[in-house]
Amino acid sequence: MKRRLALCMLFTLIAAVPGKPQKYSGPRPKKVDVPYLLHGDDLAETEAAEAREETRKDDKIYAIQGASSPARTPLAGPIFILKTDKLDASRLELFRLESKNGRREVTISRKKKIVSRPLRLSVSRLEDGLYRIEVDQSLENGEYALSPSESNQSFCFQVY
């Protein structure tokens, strides 16, 4: 009886030991340093844009041309796949944008107080230079932009 119990425990331990990590077999981005929205087995490229910094009175605003992004997802918890070369996936931040006067904008600070904070992201490495980025909360319908911290480079998309 003790022998059977010992064998069962041994097999359980062997099964619990992680083997070689699984190689990522999902879709791969065509371009490097551009996040792609994951839709099942397909990828949709986000809109690459440069945000323009503006100062109005005591407000610091970043604006992107166009009322809405052509990159769209129905998912309230989007997942991105990113193949990197120069971009650091761990430095990406997500901001909600407001559509105003034919453009998208976010007010970062008002009277030197921060009013817009980045939304939480989880970044996991799939393999060398390939990352999965997940939004940690449910997003409302609207316009959003992923942006490397301390950069005006933006990757826009719309949740509908």
N, C-alpha and C. Protein backbone atom coordinates (compact mmCIF):
# COMPACT_ATOMS: atom_id res chain seq x y z
N MET A 1 0.82 -1.20 0.00
CA MET A 1 0.00 0.00 0.00
C MET A 1 0.86 1.26 0.00
N LYS A 2 1.90 1.24 0.86
CA LYS A 2 2.80 2.40 0.92
C LYS A 2 3.55 2.57 -0.40
N ARG A 3 3.87 1.44 -1.02
CA ARG A 3 4.58 1.50 -2.29
C ARG A 3 3.72 2.17 -3.36
N ARG A 4 2.42 1.82 -3.43
CA ARG A 4 1.50 2.44 -4.38
C ARG A 4 1.37 3.94 -4.14
N LEU A 5 1.24 4.31 -2.88
CA LEU A 5 1.13 5.72 -2.52
C LEU A 5 2.38 6.49 -2.93
N ALA A 6 3.54 5.90 -2.70
CA ALA A 6 4.80 6.53 -3.07
C ALA A 6 4.91 6.68 -4.59
N LEU A 7 4.50 5.64 -5.34
CA LEU A 7 4.52 5.72 -6.80
C LEU A 7 3.56 6.80 -7.32
N CYS A 8 2.37 6.87 -6.74
CA CYS A 8 1.40 7.90 -7.15
C CYS A 8 1.95 9.29 -6.90
N MET A 9 2.58 9.47 -5.75
CA MET A 9 3.15 10.78 -5.42
C MET A 9 4.29 11.12 -6.38
N LEU A 10 5.11 10.14 -6.73
CA LEU A 10 6.21 10.34 -7.66
C LEU A 10 5.69 10.76 -9.03
N PHE A 11 4.68 10.07 -9.54
CA PHE A 11 4.11 10.41 -10.84
C PHE A 11 3.47 11.80 -10.82
N THR A 12 2.83 12.14 -9.72
CA THR A 12 2.23 13.47 -9.58
C THR A 12 3.31 14.55 -9.62
N LEU A 13 4.41 14.32 -8.94
CA LEU A 13 5.51 15.29 -8.94
C LEU A 13 6.12 15.43 -10.33
N ILE A 14 6.30 14.32 -11.02
CA ILE A 14 6.87 14.36 -12.37
C ILE A 14 5.95 15.12 -13.31
N ALA A 15 4.65 14.91 -13.20
CA ALA A 15 3.68 15.61 -14.05
C ALA A 15 3.64 17.10 -13.74
N ALA A 16 3.91 17.48 -12.49
CA ALA A 16 3.84 18.88 -12.09
C ALA A 16 5.08 19.67 -12.48
N VAL A 17 6.19 18.98 -12.76
CA VAL A 17 7.42 19.68 -13.13
C VAL A 17 7.24 20.23 -14.55
N PRO A 18 7.45 21.53 -14.71
CA PRO A 18 7.27 22.09 -16.04
C PRO A 18 8.34 21.58 -16.99
N GLY A 19 7.92 21.26 -18.17
CA GLY A 19 8.86 20.82 -19.19
C GLY A 19 9.37 22.01 -19.96
N LYS A 20 9.77 21.74 -21.15
CA LYS A 20 10.24 22.80 -22.03
C LYS A 20 9.08 23.76 -22.32
N PRO A 21 9.31 25.08 -22.30
CA PRO A 21 8.21 25.99 -22.59
C PRO A 21 7.68 25.78 -24.00
N GLN A 22 6.37 25.91 -24.14
CA GLN A 22 5.75 25.74 -25.44
C GLN A 22 6.15 26.89 -26.36
N LYS A 23 6.44 26.59 -27.60
CA LYS A 23 6.78 27.62 -28.57
C LYS A 23 5.48 28.25 -29.05
N TYR A 24 5.48 29.57 -29.20
CA TYR A 24 4.29 30.29 -29.65
C TYR A 24 3.94 29.86 -31.07
N SER A 25 2.69 29.48 -31.27
CA SER A 25 2.26 29.00 -32.59
C SER A 25 1.15 29.85 -33.19
N GLY A 26 0.84 30.98 -32.57
CA GLY A 26 -0.23 31.84 -33.06
C GLY A 26 0.21 32.74 -34.20
N PRO A 27 -0.66 33.64 -34.62
CA PRO A 27 -0.32 34.55 -35.72
C PRO A 27 0.83 35.49 -35.34
N ARG A 28 1.60 35.89 -36.34
CA ARG A 28 2.77 36.74 -36.11
C ARG A 28 2.61 38.07 -36.86
N PRO A 29 3.03 39.16 -36.21
CA PRO A 29 2.94 40.48 -36.87
C PRO A 29 3.81 40.55 -38.13
N LYS A 30 3.31 41.28 -39.14
CA LYS A 30 4.06 41.47 -40.38
C LYS A 30 5.14 42.53 -40.19
N LYS A 31 4.84 43.54 -39.36
CA LYS A 31 5.78 44.65 -39.14
C LYS A 31 6.32 44.60 -37.72
N VAL A 32 7.56 45.05 -37.55
CA VAL A 32 8.14 45.14 -36.21
C VAL A 32 7.80 46.49 -35.61
N ASP A 33 7.77 46.54 -34.28
CA ASP A 33 7.52 47.76 -33.52
C ASP A 33 6.16 48.39 -33.79
N VAL A 34 5.19 47.56 -34.17
CA VAL A 34 3.80 47.99 -34.34
C VAL A 34 2.92 46.96 -33.64
N PRO A 35 2.15 47.38 -32.62
CA PRO A 35 1.24 46.44 -31.95
C PRO A 35 0.09 46.04 -32.88
N TYR A 36 -0.29 44.78 -32.82
CA TYR A 36 -1.40 44.26 -33.60
C TYR A 36 -2.48 43.76 -32.65
N LEU A 37 -3.73 44.05 -32.96
CA LEU A 37 -4.86 43.54 -32.19
C LEU A 37 -5.06 42.07 -32.54
N LEU A 38 -5.19 41.22 -31.54
CA LEU A 38 -5.40 39.80 -31.76
C LEU A 38 -6.90 39.54 -31.82
N HIS A 39 -7.35 39.01 -32.96
CA HIS A 39 -8.75 38.63 -33.17
C HIS A 39 -8.76 37.16 -33.58
N GLY A 40 -8.80 36.27 -32.61
CA GLY A 40 -8.80 34.83 -32.89
C GLY A 40 -7.46 34.43 -33.50
N ASP A 41 -7.49 33.98 -34.77
CA ASP A 41 -6.27 33.59 -35.47
C ASP A 41 -5.78 34.68 -36.41
N ASP A 42 -6.37 35.86 -36.32
CA ASP A 42 -5.99 36.98 -37.19
C ASP A 42 -5.42 38.12 -36.36
N LEU A 43 -4.63 38.95 -37.04
CA LEU A 43 -4.09 40.15 -36.42
C LEU A 43 -4.54 41.36 -37.21
N ALA A 44 -4.89 42.44 -36.50
CA ALA A 44 -5.27 43.70 -37.13
C ALA A 44 -4.29 44.77 -36.67
N GLU A 45 -3.64 45.41 -37.62
CA GLU A 45 -2.63 46.42 -37.31
C GLU A 45 -3.27 47.65 -36.67
N THR A 46 -2.64 48.18 -35.62
CA THR A 46 -3.11 49.42 -35.02
C THR A 46 -2.67 50.59 -35.89
N GLU A 47 -3.32 51.72 -35.71
CA GLU A 47 -2.99 52.92 -36.49
C GLU A 47 -1.79 53.61 -35.86
N ALA A 48 -0.69 53.70 -36.61
CA ALA A 48 0.50 54.39 -36.12
C ALA A 48 0.35 55.88 -36.39
N ALA A 49 0.57 56.70 -35.37
CA ALA A 49 0.42 58.15 -35.49
C ALA A 49 1.38 58.85 -34.55
N GLU A 50 1.61 60.12 -34.79
CA GLU A 50 2.44 60.94 -33.92
C GLU A 50 1.52 61.92 -33.20
N ALA A 51 1.52 61.88 -31.88
CA ALA A 51 0.69 62.80 -31.10
C ALA A 51 1.42 64.14 -31.01
N ARG A 52 0.66 65.20 -31.14
CA ARG A 52 1.23 66.55 -31.06
C ARG A 52 0.94 67.12 -29.69
N GLU A 53 1.99 67.57 -29.02
CA GLU A 53 1.84 68.15 -27.68
C GLU A 53 1.41 69.61 -27.81
N GLU A 54 0.41 69.98 -27.02
CA GLU A 54 -0.09 71.36 -27.01
C GLU A 54 -0.24 71.83 -25.56
N THR A 55 -0.11 73.11 -25.38
CA THR A 55 -0.35 73.70 -24.06
C THR A 55 -1.40 74.78 -24.23
N ARG A 56 -2.50 74.64 -23.51
CA ARG A 56 -3.58 75.64 -23.50
C ARG A 56 -3.79 76.07 -22.07
N LYS A 57 -3.60 77.35 -21.83
CA LYS A 57 -3.67 77.88 -20.46
C LYS A 57 -2.78 77.04 -19.58
N ASP A 58 -3.34 76.29 -18.65
CA ASP A 58 -2.54 75.44 -17.76
C ASP A 58 -2.72 73.96 -18.09
N ASP A 59 -3.24 73.65 -19.28
CA ASP A 59 -3.49 72.27 -19.67
C ASP A 59 -2.39 71.75 -20.61
N LYS A 60 -1.97 70.52 -20.39
CA LYS A 60 -1.04 69.85 -21.29
C LYS A 60 -1.83 68.78 -22.02
N ILE A 61 -1.93 68.91 -23.34
CA ILE A 61 -2.79 68.06 -24.17
C ILE A 61 -1.96 67.40 -25.26
N TYR A 62 -2.29 66.16 -25.57
CA TYR A 62 -1.71 65.46 -26.72
C TYR A 62 -2.84 65.19 -27.70
N ALA A 63 -2.63 65.57 -28.96
CA ALA A 63 -3.69 65.44 -29.97
C ALA A 63 -3.21 64.62 -31.17
N ILE A 64 -4.13 63.83 -31.73
CA ILE A 64 -3.88 63.00 -32.90
C ILE A 64 -4.94 63.36 -33.94
N GLN A 65 -4.51 63.57 -35.18
CA GLN A 65 -5.44 63.93 -36.24
C GLN A 65 -6.43 62.81 -36.55
N GLY A 66 -7.64 63.20 -36.92
CA GLY A 66 -8.69 62.24 -37.26
C GLY A 66 -9.63 62.00 -36.10
N ALA A 67 -10.92 61.94 -36.40
CA ALA A 67 -11.94 61.78 -35.36
C ALA A 67 -11.97 60.37 -34.78
N SER A 68 -11.58 59.37 -35.58
CA SER A 68 -11.59 57.99 -35.09
C SER A 68 -10.52 57.17 -35.80
N SER A 69 -10.15 56.10 -35.17
CA SER A 69 -9.12 55.22 -35.72
C SER A 69 -9.75 54.19 -36.67
N PRO A 70 -9.06 53.87 -37.76
CA PRO A 70 -9.56 52.81 -38.64
C PRO A 70 -9.33 51.42 -38.04
N ALA A 71 -8.44 51.31 -37.06
CA ALA A 71 -8.21 50.02 -36.40
C ALA A 71 -9.28 49.85 -35.32
N ARG A 72 -10.09 48.80 -35.46
CA ARG A 72 -11.24 48.65 -34.56
C ARG A 72 -11.28 47.23 -33.99
N THR A 73 -11.82 47.15 -32.77
CA THR A 73 -12.01 45.85 -32.14
C THR A 73 -13.33 45.85 -31.37
N PRO A 74 -14.07 44.74 -31.40
CA PRO A 74 -15.28 44.66 -30.59
C PRO A 74 -14.99 44.20 -29.16
N LEU A 75 -13.74 43.85 -28.88
CA LEU A 75 -13.36 43.28 -27.59
C LEU A 75 -13.12 44.36 -26.54
N ALA A 76 -13.77 44.24 -25.40
CA ALA A 76 -13.58 45.19 -24.30
C ALA A 76 -12.28 44.93 -23.55
N GLY A 77 -11.69 43.79 -23.77
CA GLY A 77 -10.39 43.44 -23.17
C GLY A 77 -9.43 43.05 -24.28
N PRO A 78 -9.00 44.02 -25.09
CA PRO A 78 -8.16 43.67 -26.24
C PRO A 78 -6.81 43.08 -25.84
N ILE A 79 -6.30 42.24 -26.73
CA ILE A 79 -4.98 41.63 -26.59
C ILE A 79 -4.17 42.05 -27.81
N PHE A 80 -2.91 42.39 -27.57
CA PHE A 80 -2.02 42.82 -28.64
C PHE A 80 -0.85 41.86 -28.74
N ILE A 81 -0.37 41.68 -29.97
CA ILE A 81 0.85 40.93 -30.22
C ILE A 81 1.83 41.94 -30.83
N LEU A 82 3.04 41.96 -30.27
CA LEU A 82 4.04 42.95 -30.69
C LEU A 82 5.37 42.26 -30.94
N LYS A 83 5.90 42.46 -32.14
CA LYS A 83 7.24 41.98 -32.47
C LYS A 83 8.15 43.20 -32.36
N THR A 84 9.18 43.12 -31.52
CA THR A 84 9.99 44.31 -31.25
C THR A 84 11.36 44.25 -31.90
N ASP A 85 11.84 45.45 -32.19
CA ASP A 85 13.22 45.65 -32.61
C ASP A 85 13.79 46.78 -31.75
N LYS A 86 13.19 47.97 -31.86
CA LYS A 86 13.63 49.14 -31.08
C LYS A 86 12.67 49.47 -29.94
N LEU A 87 11.42 49.12 -30.09
CA LEU A 87 10.39 49.44 -29.10
C LEU A 87 10.51 48.53 -27.88
N ASP A 88 10.35 49.12 -26.69
CA ASP A 88 10.38 48.35 -25.43
C ASP A 88 8.93 48.10 -25.00
N ALA A 89 8.50 46.85 -25.09
CA ALA A 89 7.10 46.50 -24.78
C ALA A 89 6.71 46.87 -23.35
N SER A 90 7.65 46.80 -22.44
CA SER A 90 7.34 47.07 -21.03
C SER A 90 7.13 48.57 -20.76
N ARG A 91 7.47 49.43 -21.71
CA ARG A 91 7.31 50.88 -21.52
C ARG A 91 6.04 51.42 -22.19
N LEU A 92 5.21 50.54 -22.74
CA LEU A 92 3.97 50.98 -23.37
C LEU A 92 2.94 51.37 -22.32
N GLU A 93 2.20 52.43 -22.61
CA GLU A 93 1.12 52.90 -21.75
C GLU A 93 -0.14 53.04 -22.61
N LEU A 94 -1.29 52.84 -21.99
CA LEU A 94 -2.57 52.94 -22.69
C LEU A 94 -3.37 54.11 -22.15
N PHE A 95 -3.84 54.97 -23.07
CA PHE A 95 -4.65 56.12 -22.68
C PHE A 95 -5.97 56.12 -23.44
N ARG A 96 -7.01 56.58 -22.79
CA ARG A 96 -8.30 56.79 -23.44
C ARG A 96 -8.27 58.17 -24.07
N LEU A 97 -8.76 58.28 -25.30
CA LEU A 97 -8.79 59.54 -26.03
C LEU A 97 -10.22 60.03 -26.17
N GLU A 98 -10.38 61.34 -26.27
CA GLU A 98 -11.68 61.94 -26.53
C GLU A 98 -11.68 62.51 -27.94
N SER A 99 -12.77 62.29 -28.68
CA SER A 99 -12.90 62.87 -30.01
C SER A 99 -13.48 64.28 -29.88
N LYS A 100 -12.71 65.26 -30.35
CA LYS A 100 -13.14 66.66 -30.30
C LYS A 100 -12.69 67.37 -31.57
N ASN A 101 -13.59 68.06 -32.21
CA ASN A 101 -13.26 68.89 -33.38
C ASN A 101 -12.47 68.14 -34.45
N GLY A 102 -12.88 66.92 -34.75
CA GLY A 102 -12.25 66.15 -35.81
C GLY A 102 -10.89 65.57 -35.47
N ARG A 103 -10.56 65.51 -34.20
CA ARG A 103 -9.30 64.91 -33.79
C ARG A 103 -9.48 64.19 -32.46
N ARG A 104 -8.52 63.38 -32.08
CA ARG A 104 -8.55 62.67 -30.80
C ARG A 104 -7.52 63.31 -29.88
N GLU A 105 -7.90 63.49 -28.63
CA GLU A 105 -6.97 64.12 -27.69
C GLU A 105 -7.12 63.57 -26.28
N VAL A 106 -6.05 63.76 -25.51
CA VAL A 106 -6.05 63.40 -24.10
C VAL A 106 -5.40 64.55 -23.34
N THR A 107 -6.05 64.97 -22.26
CA THR A 107 -5.49 66.00 -21.39
C THR A 107 -4.72 65.28 -20.29
N ILE A 108 -3.42 65.49 -20.26
CA ILE A 108 -2.55 64.81 -19.29
C ILE A 108 -2.53 65.55 -17.96
N SER A 109 -2.39 66.86 -18.02
CA SER A 109 -2.35 67.62 -16.76
C SER A 109 -3.13 68.92 -16.90
N ARG A 110 -3.69 69.34 -15.80
CA ARG A 110 -4.46 70.58 -15.72
C ARG A 110 -3.98 71.31 -14.47
N LYS A 111 -3.50 72.53 -14.66
CA LYS A 111 -2.95 73.33 -13.57
C LYS A 111 -1.91 72.54 -12.78
N LYS A 112 -1.02 71.88 -13.54
CA LYS A 112 0.10 71.11 -12.99
C LYS A 112 -0.32 69.89 -12.16
N LYS A 113 -1.59 69.49 -12.27
CA LYS A 113 -2.05 68.26 -11.61
C LYS A 113 -2.36 67.24 -12.70
N ILE A 114 -1.94 66.01 -12.47
CA ILE A 114 -2.18 64.96 -13.45
C ILE A 114 -3.66 64.58 -13.42
N VAL A 115 -4.29 64.61 -14.60
CA VAL A 115 -5.72 64.27 -14.69
C VAL A 115 -5.96 62.96 -15.45
N SER A 116 -5.04 62.58 -16.31
CA SER A 116 -5.18 61.31 -17.04
C SER A 116 -4.00 60.42 -16.72
N ARG A 117 -4.32 59.25 -16.21
CA ARG A 117 -3.29 58.26 -15.90
C ARG A 117 -3.43 57.10 -16.89
N PRO A 118 -2.32 56.45 -17.19
CA PRO A 118 -2.42 55.30 -18.10
C PRO A 118 -3.21 54.16 -17.47
N LEU A 119 -3.90 53.42 -18.31
CA LEU A 119 -4.63 52.23 -17.89
C LEU A 119 -3.64 51.07 -17.74
N ARG A 120 -3.98 50.10 -16.90
CA ARG A 120 -3.05 49.00 -16.61
C ARG A 120 -2.94 48.01 -17.77
N LEU A 121 -1.71 47.59 -18.00
CA LEU A 121 -1.40 46.59 -19.02
C LEU A 121 -0.57 45.47 -18.40
N SER A 122 -0.72 44.27 -18.95
CA SER A 122 0.14 43.14 -18.59
C SER A 122 0.93 42.76 -19.83
N VAL A 123 2.24 42.67 -19.68
CA VAL A 123 3.10 42.32 -20.81
C VAL A 123 3.76 40.99 -20.49
N SER A 124 3.63 40.04 -21.41
CA SER A 124 4.30 38.75 -21.23
C SER A 124 5.09 38.42 -22.49
N ARG A 125 6.26 37.88 -22.28
CA ARG A 125 7.16 37.52 -23.38
C ARG A 125 6.75 36.15 -23.90
N LEU A 126 6.47 36.07 -25.20
CA LEU A 126 6.12 34.79 -25.82
C LEU A 126 7.37 34.05 -26.27
N GLU A 127 8.31 34.81 -26.81
CA GLU A 127 9.62 34.30 -27.21
C GLU A 127 10.50 35.52 -27.47
N ASP A 128 11.71 35.30 -27.87
CA ASP A 128 12.64 36.41 -28.06
C ASP A 128 12.06 37.44 -29.04
N GLY A 129 11.84 38.67 -28.56
CA GLY A 129 11.35 39.75 -29.41
C GLY A 129 9.87 39.71 -29.72
N LEU A 130 9.11 38.81 -29.13
CA LEU A 130 7.68 38.71 -29.39
C LEU A 130 6.93 38.77 -28.05
N TYR A 131 5.95 39.68 -27.97
CA TYR A 131 5.26 39.93 -26.71
C TYR A 131 3.75 39.90 -26.88
N ARG A 132 3.08 39.54 -25.81
CA ARG A 132 1.62 39.58 -25.70
C ARG A 132 1.30 40.66 -24.67
N ILE A 133 0.46 41.61 -25.06
CA ILE A 133 0.09 42.72 -24.19
C ILE A 133 -1.41 42.66 -23.98
N GLU A 134 -1.82 42.60 -22.70
CA GLU A 134 -3.24 42.52 -22.37
C GLU A 134 -3.64 43.70 -21.50
N VAL A 135 -4.86 44.19 -21.74
CA VAL A 135 -5.42 45.26 -20.91
C VAL A 135 -6.01 44.60 -19.68
N ASP A 136 -5.67 45.13 -18.49
CA ASP A 136 -6.08 44.50 -17.23
C ASP A 136 -7.49 44.85 -16.79
N GLN A 137 -8.21 45.61 -17.56
CA GLN A 137 -9.57 45.97 -17.18
C GLN A 137 -10.43 46.02 -18.44
N SER A 138 -11.71 46.05 -18.25
CA SER A 138 -12.65 46.13 -19.36
C SER A 138 -12.70 47.58 -19.86
N LEU A 139 -12.56 47.75 -21.17
CA LEU A 139 -12.59 49.10 -21.75
C LEU A 139 -13.98 49.44 -22.25
N GLU A 140 -14.38 50.67 -22.05
CA GLU A 140 -15.64 51.16 -22.60
C GLU A 140 -15.46 51.44 -24.09
N ASN A 141 -16.57 51.52 -24.82
CA ASN A 141 -16.48 51.89 -26.22
C ASN A 141 -15.82 53.26 -26.34
N GLY A 142 -14.95 53.41 -27.33
CA GLY A 142 -14.27 54.69 -27.53
C GLY A 142 -12.92 54.53 -28.18
N GLU A 143 -12.17 55.63 -28.18
CA GLU A 143 -10.86 55.71 -28.81
C GLU A 143 -9.76 55.54 -27.77
N TYR A 144 -8.70 54.82 -28.15
CA TYR A 144 -7.58 54.55 -27.25
C TYR A 144 -6.26 54.63 -28.02
N ALA A 145 -5.17 54.85 -27.27
CA ALA A 145 -3.84 54.87 -27.87
C ALA A 145 -2.83 54.21 -26.94
N LEU A 146 -2.04 53.33 -27.51
CA LEU A 146 -0.87 52.78 -26.84
C LEU A 146 0.30 53.69 -27.19
N SER A 147 1.09 54.05 -26.21
CA SER A 147 2.21 54.95 -26.47
C SER A 147 3.38 54.59 -25.55
N PRO A 148 4.60 54.55 -26.11
CA PRO A 148 5.75 54.35 -25.23
C PRO A 148 5.88 55.54 -24.28
N SER A 149 6.20 55.28 -23.02
CA SER A 149 6.32 56.39 -22.07
C SER A 149 7.40 57.36 -22.56
N GLU A 150 7.14 58.64 -22.34
CA GLU A 150 8.04 59.72 -22.74
C GLU A 150 8.28 59.75 -24.25
N SER A 151 7.24 59.43 -25.03
CA SER A 151 7.32 59.48 -26.49
C SER A 151 5.98 59.97 -27.03
N ASN A 152 6.01 60.61 -28.18
CA ASN A 152 4.78 61.05 -28.83
C ASN A 152 4.28 60.04 -29.86
N GLN A 153 5.01 58.95 -30.03
CA GLN A 153 4.59 57.89 -30.92
C GLN A 153 3.34 57.23 -30.34
N SER A 154 2.33 57.01 -31.17
CA SER A 154 1.08 56.44 -30.69
C SER A 154 0.59 55.35 -31.64
N PHE A 155 -0.08 54.37 -31.05
CA PHE A 155 -0.69 53.28 -31.82
C PHE A 155 -2.15 53.25 -31.41
N CYS A 156 -3.02 53.73 -32.29
CA CYS A 156 -4.42 53.98 -31.95
C CYS A 156 -5.33 52.85 -32.38
N PHE A 157 -6.43 52.71 -31.66
CA PHE A 157 -7.47 51.74 -32.01
C PHE A 157 -8.77 52.20 -31.36
N GLN A 158 -9.84 51.60 -31.84
CA GLN A 158 -11.18 51.93 -31.34
C GLN A 158 -11.86 50.67 -30.81
N VAL A 159 -12.49 50.79 -29.65
CA VAL A 159 -13.33 49.71 -29.12
C VAL A 159 -14.77 50.09 -29.45
N TYR A 160 -15.50 49.21 -30.12
CA TYR A 160 -16.89 49.51 -30.48
C TYR A 160 -17.86 48.50 -29.93
